[in-house]
Amino acid sequence: MYFAITEALTNAAKHGHAGSVSVTLARVDGTVRGEITDDGRGGAAEGRGSGLRGMRQRIEAVDGTLRMHSPPGGPTVITVECPCAS
């Protein structure tokens, strides 16, 4: 979760030219959910570079999921969920 969030923050600043980013974390039914929302230019896609692909691989390696919504013009919302044992 940490690496996915830090990668999303880096991408928001570097590629999305975001002015602000919010990160929320919640524990829901044995799962920890992180949602990263930025006000950048949007249009993020996994096929354009290794950052988003790497985020997905890290999350899926711990049986988690990653969803992204990033229409052109923004905003970008990335939601990651991972099992949480405690």
Protein backbone atom coordinates (compact mmCIF):
# COMPACT_ATOMS: atom_id res chain seq x y z
CA MET A 1 0.00 0.00 0.00
CA TYR A 2 2.80 2.41 0.91
CA PHE A 3 4.60 1.98 -2.42
CA ALA A 4 1.39 2.32 -4.43
CA ILE A 5 0.50 5.55 -2.64
CA THR A 6 3.96 7.06 -3.02
CA GLU A 7 4.01 6.15 -6.72
CA ALA A 8 0.59 7.76 -7.19
CA LEU A 9 1.80 10.93 -5.46
CA THR A 10 4.90 11.03 -7.65
CA ASN A 11 2.84 10.53 -10.80
CA ALA A 12 0.36 13.25 -9.79
CA ALA A 13 3.17 15.78 -9.40
CA LYS A 14 5.44 14.69 -12.23
CA HIS A 15 3.00 13.75 -14.98
CA GLY A 16 -0.39 15.11 -13.92
CA HIS A 17 0.88 18.53 -12.85
CA ALA A 18 -1.57 18.35 -9.94
CA GLY A 19 -1.99 21.32 -7.64
CA SER A 20 -3.43 19.19 -4.84
CA VAL A 21 -3.74 15.53 -3.92
CA SER A 22 -5.78 13.82 -1.22
CA VAL A 23 -5.11 10.40 0.26
CA THR A 24 -7.70 8.56 2.32
CA LEU A 25 -7.26 5.22 4.05
CA ALA A 26 -9.99 3.07 5.52
CA ARG A 27 -10.33 -0.42 6.89
CA VAL A 28 -13.38 -2.14 5.43
CA ASP A 29 -14.33 -5.76 6.15
CA GLY A 30 -10.80 -7.15 6.50
CA THR A 31 -9.46 -4.95 3.71
CA VAL A 32 -7.48 -1.73 3.79
CA ARG A 33 -8.55 0.69 1.08
CA GLY A 34 -6.51 3.63 -0.11
CA GLU A 35 -7.88 6.25 -2.43
CA ILE A 36 -5.63 8.82 -4.05
CA THR A 37 -7.36 11.71 -5.84
CA ASP A 38 -5.58 14.53 -7.65
CA ASP A 39 -6.71 17.61 -9.53
CA GLY A 40 -4.22 17.15 -12.35
CA ARG A 41 -4.77 16.97 -16.07
CA GLY A 42 -5.88 13.30 -16.13
CA GLY A 43 -5.42 10.94 -19.04
CA ALA A 44 -3.27 8.47 -17.09
CA ALA A 45 -2.99 5.03 -18.71
CA GLU A 46 -1.09 1.91 -17.71
CA GLY A 47 0.32 1.31 -21.17
CA ARG A 48 2.29 4.56 -21.29
CA GLY A 49 4.95 3.73 -18.70
CA SER A 50 6.04 1.30 -16.05
CA GLY A 51 4.86 3.28 -12.97
CA LEU A 52 1.18 2.34 -13.05
CA ARG A 53 1.94 -1.18 -14.22
CA GLY A 54 4.39 -1.56 -11.32
CA MET A 55 1.77 -0.31 -8.87
CA ARG A 56 -0.69 -2.92 -10.10
CA GLN A 57 1.92 -5.70 -9.90
CA ARG A 58 2.85 -4.78 -6.31
CA ILE A 59 -0.79 -4.68 -5.20
CA GLU A 60 -1.74 -7.92 -6.98
CA ALA A 61 1.29 -9.66 -5.43
CA VAL A 62 -0.44 -9.35 -2.05
CA ASP A 63 -3.86 -10.38 -3.45
CA GLY A 64 -5.04 -6.79 -3.75
CA THR A 65 -6.74 -4.80 -6.46
CA LEU A 66 -6.10 -1.48 -8.18
CA ARG A 67 -8.70 0.60 -9.99
CA MET A 68 -8.05 3.85 -11.79
CA HIS A 69 -10.31 6.48 -13.29
CA SER A 70 -8.44 9.23 -15.14
CA PRO A 71 -10.43 10.97 -17.86
CA PRO A 72 -8.67 13.62 -19.96
CA GLY A 73 -8.86 16.88 -18.02
CA GLY A 74 -8.95 15.02 -14.71
CA PRO A 75 -9.38 14.32 -11.97
CA THR A 76 -7.46 11.08 -11.49
CA VAL A 77 -8.73 8.70 -8.81
CA ILE A 78 -6.73 5.58 -7.94
CA THR A 79 -8.21 3.07 -5.51
CA VAL A 80 -6.09 0.27 -4.06
CA GLU A 81 -7.38 -2.48 -1.78
CA CYS A 82 -5.35 -5.09 0.08
CA PRO A 83 -6.27 -7.79 2.57
CA CYS A 84 -5.69 -6.71 6.16
CA ALA A 85 -5.25 -9.48 8.74
CA SER A 86 -5.65 -7.31 11.84
